Amino acid sequence: MARKILALYITISFLFNFSHSFVFAIYTVFLKERGMDLMQINLINAFFMFAIFIFEIPTGSFADRYGRKASIVLGSVFYGGGMLAYYFSDSFWGFVIAELTLAFGATMYSGATEAWAVDSLKFYSYDGCLLEIFKRESQFKQLGIVIGALIGSYVANYDLALPWLMAFAANIAFALFCQATIREDYFKHNRSLAKNASMALIAKDSFHFGVKEKRVFFAILFTSAIFMCFQPLNMYWNIVLTESYGLSVGSLGWMFMGVSAFIVIGSQFSTAFAKKFKNESEALVLSQVVTTAGILVAALMAELPIFVAGFLFHELGRGLFGPLKQSYINHRIPSEKRATILSFDSMINKGAALVGLVVSGYVAKIFSISVSWIGAGLALAAFIPLFLSFKPKE
């Protein structure tokens, strides 16, 4: 049974990321084509982050209270609704409404699949390495993103709005797939416990655990710090390629394929990297030395090959970090509150990302995109020794 759960978890990750990645390579280009400036683009995404900050704990406790399957299916439906809203929108507030819908869907989905997989495996006495599971999941996630982004960028050559409609249809199909395939045997076993715990109590207890458990809170805070630094790169890389280097919209999909490939390579090295350190917290933080170096090289915006090399190298560090963080935090949280604590993690991360979006949007508009990237790289370089000095004992 554990093998079936693992196969389904990886399939779900692949299909979910494929279903909404049609728009990944063309997101900011689409908004700019619809008349949004750099600050407006970041503010639109900031509404998404703010909504996630508000929705994360309630939707996480919903998953722990009523089941992760229901949360995954509903999240996919709302995600599809947000994609459809984007297809029909052509104004700032129209895009904000679409982002709020997407945010609710994202929070329903966030943490639920991870919690379902870990608790299902525990229910069937799986004793394998979680890091290896999350490493494999990361690789198939990126494969789904690559395929979707390539298809979306190719279609966008003919109609920039059409990838949003495709994402709507794919998310609805994904919701139907999850409804038909996900089982929650562990949840049936714990149903009496779930009925005796209100959503508010689950949320409260999970919040307190997330803050009081020093190792968990350390990982959450460091993730938030680096998420804040990632935002200008997330938002402007495709604008830089199309406007500064003259690449076509169709070529963005190939760049995204390179991004995903380097994330997969980074995740592949995560196990070997972790073994080099006795302290997992230290491995978590030092993985971002790679990311920092890549950001600062890319921020120079020199010749195209140098820019691409720096940008892809920074993605290597991000790929290294993902499985390390997932394994670190899941080993330290209780099953009955797993989805809510993972949602608390996501909530804090998105709050930090919101700050990063507003600040980098202002800097990019007043100065330049390059300056916003240099600031992000220097901030990340400062965070690494700061967090190393406060790392918790294992």
Protein backbone atom coordinates (compact mmCIF):
# COMPACT_ATOMS: atom_id res chain seq x y z
CA MET A 1 0.00 0.00 0.00
CA ALA A 2 2.88 2.39 0.78
CA ARG A 3 4.11 2.04 -2.82
CA LYS A 4 0.66 2.96 -4.15
CA ILE A 5 0.55 6.02 -1.89
CA LEU A 6 3.98 7.14 -3.03
CA ALA A 7 3.07 6.67 -6.70
CA LEU A 8 -0.19 8.59 -6.26
CA TYR A 9 1.51 11.41 -4.31
CA ILE A 10 4.06 11.91 -7.09
CA THR A 11 1.33 11.68 -9.77
CA ILE A 12 -0.77 14.28 -7.94
CA SER A 13 2.22 16.61 -7.67
CA PHE A 14 2.96 16.22 -11.38
CA LEU A 15 -0.65 16.79 -12.46
CA PHE A 16 -1.33 19.73 -10.12
CA ASN A 17 1.77 21.59 -11.25
CA PHE A 18 1.11 20.77 -14.89
CA SER A 19 -2.48 22.00 -14.59
CA HIS A 20 -1.61 25.56 -13.57
CA SER A 21 1.84 26.02 -15.15
CA PHE A 22 0.51 27.01 -18.59
CA VAL A 23 0.77 30.63 -17.42
CA PHE A 24 4.08 30.49 -15.53
CA ALA A 25 6.34 31.71 -18.32
CA ILE A 26 4.01 34.46 -19.55
CA TYR A 27 2.42 35.78 -16.32
CA THR A 28 4.06 39.21 -16.07
CA VAL A 29 4.27 39.60 -19.86
CA PHE A 30 0.49 39.08 -20.01
CA LEU A 31 -0.13 41.69 -17.29
CA LYS A 32 2.18 44.18 -18.99
CA GLU A 33 0.39 43.61 -22.29
CA ARG A 34 -2.88 44.39 -20.47
CA GLY A 35 -1.48 47.80 -19.45
CA MET A 36 -0.05 47.12 -15.96
CA ASP A 37 3.23 48.80 -14.91
CA LEU A 38 5.95 47.16 -12.74
CA MET A 39 4.47 48.40 -9.46
CA GLN A 40 0.92 47.33 -10.42
CA ILE A 41 2.17 43.88 -11.42
CA ASN A 42 3.77 43.42 -8.00
CA LEU A 43 0.72 44.83 -6.20
CA ILE A 44 -1.57 42.38 -8.00
CA ASN A 45 0.61 39.53 -6.78
CA ALA A 46 0.80 41.18 -3.34
CA PHE A 47 -3.00 40.80 -3.02
CA PHE A 48 -2.47 37.07 -3.67
CA MET A 49 0.12 36.89 -0.89
CA PHE A 50 -2.03 38.91 1.51
CA ALA A 51 -5.06 36.69 0.88
CA ILE A 52 -2.95 33.59 1.50
CA PHE A 53 -1.73 35.13 4.75
CA ILE A 54 -5.39 35.52 5.84
CA PHE A 55 -6.72 32.19 4.52
CA GLU A 56 -3.90 29.76 5.37
CA ILE A 57 -4.70 28.82 8.98
CA PRO A 58 -8.51 28.47 8.51
CA THR A 59 -8.09 26.33 5.38
CA GLY A 60 -5.33 24.26 6.98
CA SER A 61 -7.53 23.52 9.98
CA PHE A 62 -10.35 22.67 7.53
CA ALA A 63 -8.08 19.99 6.05
CA ASP A 64 -7.23 18.59 9.49
CA ARG A 65 -10.88 18.73 10.59
CA TYR A 66 -12.74 17.50 7.51
CA GLY A 67 -10.08 15.66 5.53
CA ARG A 68 -7.22 16.46 3.19
CA LYS A 69 -9.05 15.00 0.16
CA ALA A 70 -11.91 17.52 0.45
CA SER A 71 -9.39 20.33 0.82
CA ILE A 72 -7.39 19.25 -2.25
CA VAL A 73 -10.48 18.90 -4.46
CA LEU A 74 -12.00 22.23 -3.40
CA GLY A 75 -8.65 23.95 -3.75
CA SER A 76 -8.31 22.72 -7.33
CA VAL A 77 -11.82 23.94 -8.22
CA PHE A 78 -11.11 27.43 -6.85
CA TYR A 79 -7.74 27.45 -8.57
CA GLY A 80 -9.53 26.76 -11.83
CA GLY A 81 -12.00 29.56 -11.09
CA GLY A 82 -9.14 32.01 -10.60
CA MET A 83 -7.62 31.02 -13.95
CA LEU A 84 -10.98 31.59 -15.66
CA ALA A 85 -11.30 35.01 -13.99
CA TYR A 86 -7.86 35.95 -15.34
CA TYR A 87 -8.92 34.97 -18.87
CA PHE A 88 -11.82 37.45 -18.79
CA SER A 89 -10.07 40.27 -16.85
CA ASP A 90 -8.52 43.39 -18.35
CA SER A 91 -8.27 45.79 -15.37
CA PHE A 92 -6.25 46.09 -12.18
CA TRP A 93 -9.20 45.22 -9.91
CA GLY A 94 -10.29 42.43 -12.21
CA PHE A 95 -6.86 40.85 -11.82
CA VAL A 96 -7.03 41.38 -8.04
CA ILE A 97 -10.34 39.45 -7.88
CA ALA A 98 -8.75 36.66 -9.91
CA GLU A 99 -5.75 36.57 -7.53
CA LEU A 100 -8.01 36.40 -4.46
CA THR A 101 -9.81 33.42 -5.97
CA LEU A 102 -6.49 31.75 -6.79
CA ALA A 103 -5.26 32.47 -3.26
CA PHE A 104 -8.22 30.72 -1.65
CA GLY A 105 -7.65 27.71 -3.89
CA ALA A 106 -3.94 27.72 -3.14
CA THR A 107 -4.52 27.74 0.63
CA MET A 108 -7.03 24.89 0.42
CA TYR A 109 -4.44 22.86 -1.48
CA SER A 110 -1.37 24.07 0.44
CA GLY A 111 -0.03 21.51 2.90
CA ALA A 112 -2.96 19.14 2.34
CA THR A 113 -1.22 16.85 -0.16
CA GLU A 114 1.98 16.77 1.87
CA ALA A 115 0.02 16.04 5.06
CA TRP A 116 -2.06 13.36 3.29
CA ALA A 117 1.05 11.60 1.95
CA VAL A 118 3.07 11.67 5.19
CA ASP A 119 0.16 10.56 7.40
CA SER A 120 -0.96 7.86 4.95
CA LEU A 121 2.57 6.45 4.92
CA LYS A 122 2.76 6.59 8.72
CA PHE A 123 -0.60 4.79 8.95
CA TYR A 124 0.86 1.92 6.91
CA SER A 125 4.07 1.88 9.02
CA TYR A 126 6.35 3.25 6.32
CA ASP A 127 9.84 3.76 7.75
CA GLY A 128 11.69 5.07 4.69
CA CYS A 129 13.45 8.40 4.27
CA LEU A 130 11.14 11.40 3.87
CA LEU A 131 13.93 13.42 2.24
CA GLU A 132 14.09 10.91 -0.62
CA ILE A 133 10.30 11.14 -1.08
CA PHE A 134 10.31 14.93 -1.22
CA LYS A 135 13.31 14.88 -3.56
CA ARG A 136 11.46 12.62 -6.00
CA GLU A 137 8.28 14.69 -5.63
CA SER A 138 10.22 17.86 -6.43
CA GLN A 139 11.58 16.30 -9.61
CA PHE A 140 8.16 15.25 -10.93
CA LYS A 141 6.72 18.61 -9.87
CA GLN A 142 9.29 20.35 -12.06
CA LEU A 143 8.59 17.95 -14.93
CA GLY A 144 4.92 18.90 -14.83
CA ILE A 145 5.82 22.60 -14.72
CA VAL A 146 8.20 22.27 -17.69
CA ILE A 147 5.64 20.56 -19.90
CA GLY A 148 2.87 23.00 -18.97
CA ALA A 149 5.08 26.09 -19.31
CA LEU A 150 6.35 25.00 -22.75
CA ILE A 151 2.82 24.37 -24.01
CA GLY A 152 1.56 27.65 -22.51
CA SER A 153 4.36 29.78 -23.94
CA TYR A 154 3.87 28.22 -27.39
CA VAL A 155 0.12 28.92 -27.31
CA ALA A 156 0.79 32.46 -26.01
CA ASN A 157 2.57 33.27 -29.28
CA TYR A 158 -0.91 33.26 -30.84
CA ASP A 159 -3.04 34.46 -27.91
CA LEU A 160 -1.60 35.56 -24.54
CA ALA A 161 -4.94 34.93 -22.78
CA LEU A 162 -5.52 31.37 -24.00
CA PRO A 163 -3.13 29.65 -21.51
CA TRP A 164 -5.39 30.89 -18.68
CA LEU A 165 -8.40 29.14 -20.23
CA MET A 166 -6.35 25.97 -20.66
CA ALA A 167 -5.31 26.15 -16.99
CA PHE A 168 -8.97 26.45 -15.95
CA ALA A 169 -9.91 23.25 -17.82
CA ALA A 170 -6.86 21.37 -16.54
CA ASN A 171 -7.55 22.28 -12.89
CA ILE A 172 -11.15 21.08 -13.10
CA ALA A 173 -9.97 17.80 -14.65
CA PHE A 174 -7.37 17.49 -11.86
CA ALA A 175 -10.06 17.99 -9.19
CA LEU A 176 -12.09 15.14 -10.70
CA PHE A 177 -8.99 12.91 -10.73
CA CYS A 178 -8.31 13.58 -7.03
CA GLN A 179 -11.92 12.92 -6.11
CA ALA A 180 -11.70 9.52 -7.78
CA THR A 181 -8.29 8.36 -6.54
CA ILE A 182 -7.44 9.72 -3.05
CA ARG A 183 -8.20 7.54 -0.02
CA GLU A 184 -7.85 8.59 3.61
CA ASP A 185 -7.67 5.37 5.63
CA TYR A 186 -5.74 7.13 8.40
CA PHE A 187 -8.46 9.78 8.58
CA LYS A 188 -11.16 7.17 9.13
CA HIS A 189 -9.02 5.83 11.94
CA ASN A 190 -8.79 9.31 13.51
CA ARG A 191 -12.32 10.49 12.68
CA SER A 192 -13.54 10.47 16.29
CA LEU A 193 -10.56 12.62 17.29
CA ALA A 194 -11.26 15.03 14.45
CA LYS A 195 -14.91 15.39 15.41
CA ASN A 196 -13.98 16.36 18.94
CA ALA A 197 -11.64 19.11 17.79
CA SER A 198 -13.05 22.33 16.39
CA MET A 199 -11.31 24.12 13.54
CA ALA A 200 -10.59 27.04 15.88
CA LEU A 201 -8.95 24.76 18.48
CA ILE A 202 -6.85 23.00 15.84
CA ALA A 203 -5.74 26.37 14.47
CA LYS A 204 -4.91 27.74 17.93
CA ASP A 205 -2.92 24.68 19.02
CA SER A 206 -1.07 24.51 15.71
CA PHE A 207 -0.16 28.19 15.87
CA HIS A 208 1.23 27.79 19.38
CA PHE A 209 3.19 24.68 18.35
CA GLY A 210 4.65 26.44 15.31
CA VAL A 211 5.90 29.32 17.44
CA LYS A 212 7.03 27.39 20.55
CA GLU A 213 8.85 24.55 18.78
CA LYS A 214 12.13 26.39 18.17
CA ARG A 215 13.41 24.19 15.34
CA VAL A 216 10.14 24.45 13.41
CA PHE A 217 9.93 28.20 13.94
CA PHE A 218 13.57 28.59 12.85
CA ALA A 219 12.82 26.85 9.53
CA ILE A 220 9.68 28.95 9.03
CA LEU A 221 11.50 32.23 9.70
CA PHE A 222 14.43 31.40 7.42
CA THR A 223 12.08 30.33 4.62
CA SER A 224 10.22 33.62 5.03
CA ALA A 225 13.46 35.59 4.80
CA ILE A 226 14.52 33.94 1.56
CA PHE A 227 11.00 34.13 0.07
CA MET A 228 11.13 37.89 0.59
CA CYS A 229 14.39 38.03 -1.38
CA PHE A 230 13.11 35.83 -4.22
CA GLN A 231 10.23 38.08 -5.25
CA PRO A 232 11.91 40.49 -7.69
CA LEU A 233 13.43 37.55 -9.54
CA ASN A 234 10.11 35.69 -9.62
CA MET A 235 8.29 38.70 -11.04
CA TYR A 236 10.72 40.23 -13.53
CA TRP A 237 12.85 37.53 -15.16
CA ASN A 238 10.57 37.18 -18.20
CA ILE A 239 10.28 40.96 -18.62
CA VAL A 240 14.09 41.21 -18.58
CA LEU A 241 14.40 38.51 -21.23
CA THR A 242 11.76 39.96 -23.56
CA GLU A 243 12.50 43.68 -23.13
CA SER A 244 16.23 43.84 -22.29
CA TYR A 245 17.45 40.91 -24.36
CA GLY A 246 14.77 40.84 -27.06
CA LEU A 247 13.67 37.21 -26.67
CA SER A 248 10.26 36.13 -27.99
CA VAL A 249 7.37 35.05 -25.74
CA GLY A 250 7.66 31.54 -27.15
CA SER A 251 11.28 31.25 -26.00
CA LEU A 252 10.28 31.89 -22.37
CA GLY A 253 9.02 28.33 -22.12
CA TRP A 254 12.49 27.02 -22.96
CA MET A 255 14.01 29.27 -20.31
CA PHE A 256 11.47 27.89 -17.85
CA MET A 257 12.56 24.39 -18.84
CA GLY A 258 16.11 25.38 -17.87
CA VAL A 259 14.84 26.76 -14.56
CA SER A 260 13.03 23.52 -13.76
CA ALA A 261 16.02 21.41 -14.83
CA PHE A 262 18.31 23.27 -12.43
CA ILE A 263 15.76 22.96 -9.61
CA VAL A 264 15.67 19.19 -10.23
CA ILE A 265 19.49 19.03 -10.23
CA GLY A 266 19.55 20.96 -6.96
CA SER A 267 16.99 18.65 -5.37
CA GLN A 268 19.00 15.63 -6.55
CA PHE A 269 21.99 16.83 -4.53
CA SER A 270 19.94 17.57 -1.39
CA THR A 271 20.57 14.19 0.26
CA ALA A 272 24.33 14.32 -0.28
CA PHE A 273 24.41 17.96 0.85
CA ALA A 274 22.51 17.15 4.08
CA LYS A 275 24.97 14.35 4.94
CA LYS A 276 27.84 16.85 5.02
CA PHE A 277 26.39 18.51 8.13
CA LYS A 278 25.64 17.10 11.56
CA ASN A 279 23.19 19.94 12.17
CA GLU A 280 20.21 19.98 9.77
CA SER A 281 19.58 23.66 10.47
CA GLU A 282 23.08 24.46 9.24
CA ALA A 283 22.51 22.54 6.00
CA LEU A 284 19.24 24.40 5.48
CA VAL A 285 20.87 27.83 5.76
CA LEU A 286 24.11 27.13 3.89
CA SER A 287 22.20 25.78 0.89
CA GLN A 288 21.38 29.41 0.12
CA VAL A 289 24.99 30.44 -0.47
CA VAL A 290 24.48 28.99 -3.96
CA THR A 291 21.29 30.99 -4.45
CA THR A 292 22.93 34.23 -3.32
CA ALA A 293 25.84 33.86 -5.74
CA GLY A 294 23.47 33.23 -8.65
CA ILE A 295 21.27 36.23 -7.84
CA LEU A 296 24.22 38.64 -7.69
CA VAL A 297 25.63 37.42 -11.01
CA ALA A 298 22.23 37.67 -12.73
CA ALA A 299 21.63 41.13 -11.22
CA LEU A 300 24.58 42.54 -13.17
CA MET A 301 22.51 41.95 -16.34
CA ALA A 302 25.64 41.56 -18.45
CA GLU A 303 25.73 39.57 -21.69
CA LEU A 304 22.83 37.13 -22.16
CA PRO A 305 24.87 33.93 -21.49
CA ILE A 306 26.17 35.39 -18.20
CA PHE A 307 22.69 36.49 -17.16
CA VAL A 308 21.20 33.08 -17.95
CA ALA A 309 24.04 31.25 -16.15
CA GLY A 310 23.59 33.35 -13.00
CA PHE A 311 19.81 33.01 -13.01
CA LEU A 312 19.91 29.24 -13.48
CA PHE A 313 22.59 28.86 -10.81
CA HIS A 314 20.34 30.65 -8.30
CA GLU A 315 17.58 28.14 -9.15
CA LEU A 316 20.03 25.34 -8.28
CA GLY A 317 20.14 26.66 -4.72
CA ARG A 318 16.36 26.92 -4.56
CA GLY A 319 16.07 23.30 -5.72
CA LEU A 320 18.53 22.23 -3.04
CA PHE A 321 16.53 24.00 -0.34
CA GLY A 322 13.06 22.56 -1.08
CA PRO A 323 13.48 18.88 -0.05
CA LEU A 324 15.78 19.86 2.85
CA LYS A 325 13.10 22.14 4.30
CA GLN A 326 10.21 19.70 3.70
CA SER A 327 12.04 16.83 5.39
CA TYR A 328 13.27 19.04 8.26
CA ILE A 329 9.84 20.39 9.18
CA ASN A 330 7.77 17.20 8.64
CA HIS A 331 10.02 15.25 11.02
CA ARG A 332 9.17 17.71 13.78
CA ILE A 333 5.38 18.18 13.64
CA PRO A 334 2.54 15.92 14.94
CA SER A 335 0.24 14.16 12.45
CA GLU A 336 -3.08 15.46 13.78
CA LYS A 337 -1.99 19.08 13.23
CA ARG A 338 0.26 18.58 10.21
CA ALA A 339 -1.85 20.37 7.57
CA THR A 340 -2.52 23.34 9.85
CA ILE A 341 1.13 23.75 10.85
CA LEU A 342 2.21 23.49 7.21
CA SER A 343 -0.40 26.16 6.47
CA PHE A 344 1.01 28.31 9.28
CA ASP A 345 4.41 27.91 7.63
CA SER A 346 2.96 28.97 4.27
CA MET A 347 1.11 31.90 5.88
CA ILE A 348 4.28 33.39 7.37
CA ASN A 349 6.18 32.76 4.14
CA LYS A 350 3.55 34.55 2.06
CA GLY A 351 3.45 37.46 4.49
CA ALA A 352 7.19 37.91 3.95
CA ALA A 353 6.74 37.52 0.19
CA LEU A 354 4.14 40.31 0.28
CA VAL A 355 6.73 42.63 1.85
CA GLY A 356 9.25 41.57 -0.80
CA LEU A 357 6.78 42.30 -3.60
CA VAL A 358 5.90 45.80 -2.37
CA VAL A 359 9.50 46.82 -1.67
CA SER A 360 10.97 45.34 -4.87
CA GLY A 361 8.12 46.76 -6.96
CA TYR A 362 8.82 50.24 -5.62
CA VAL A 363 12.60 49.88 -6.13
CA ALA A 364 12.16 48.52 -9.67
CA LYS A 365 9.81 51.37 -10.62
CA ILE A 366 11.89 54.18 -9.09
CA PHE A 367 15.36 52.80 -9.95
CA SER A 368 15.52 49.65 -12.08
CA ILE A 369 14.91 45.90 -12.08
CA SER A 370 18.67 45.37 -11.77
CA VAL A 371 18.81 47.42 -8.56
CA SER A 372 15.92 45.43 -7.06
CA TRP A 373 17.81 42.19 -7.81
CA ILE A 374 21.07 43.48 -6.32
CA GLY A 375 19.17 44.47 -3.17
CA ALA A 376 17.64 40.99 -2.96
CA GLY A 377 21.04 39.31 -3.33
CA LEU A 378 22.68 41.49 -0.67
CA ALA A 379 19.77 40.95 1.74
CA LEU A 380 20.02 37.16 1.31
CA ALA A 381 23.79 37.35 1.82
CA ALA A 382 23.15 39.13 5.13
CA PHE A 383 20.50 36.63 6.28
CA ILE A 384 22.82 33.61 5.98
CA PRO A 385 25.32 34.50 8.77
CA LEU A 386 22.48 35.97 10.86
CA PHE A 387 20.52 32.71 10.89
CA LEU A 388 23.65 30.59 11.32
CA SER A 389 24.39 32.47 14.53
CA PHE A 390 20.91 31.67 15.90
CA LYS A 391 20.52 28.07 14.67
CA PRO A 392 18.81 25.80 17.24
CA LYS A 393 20.42 22.73 18.76
CA GLU A 394 19.32 19.38 17.36
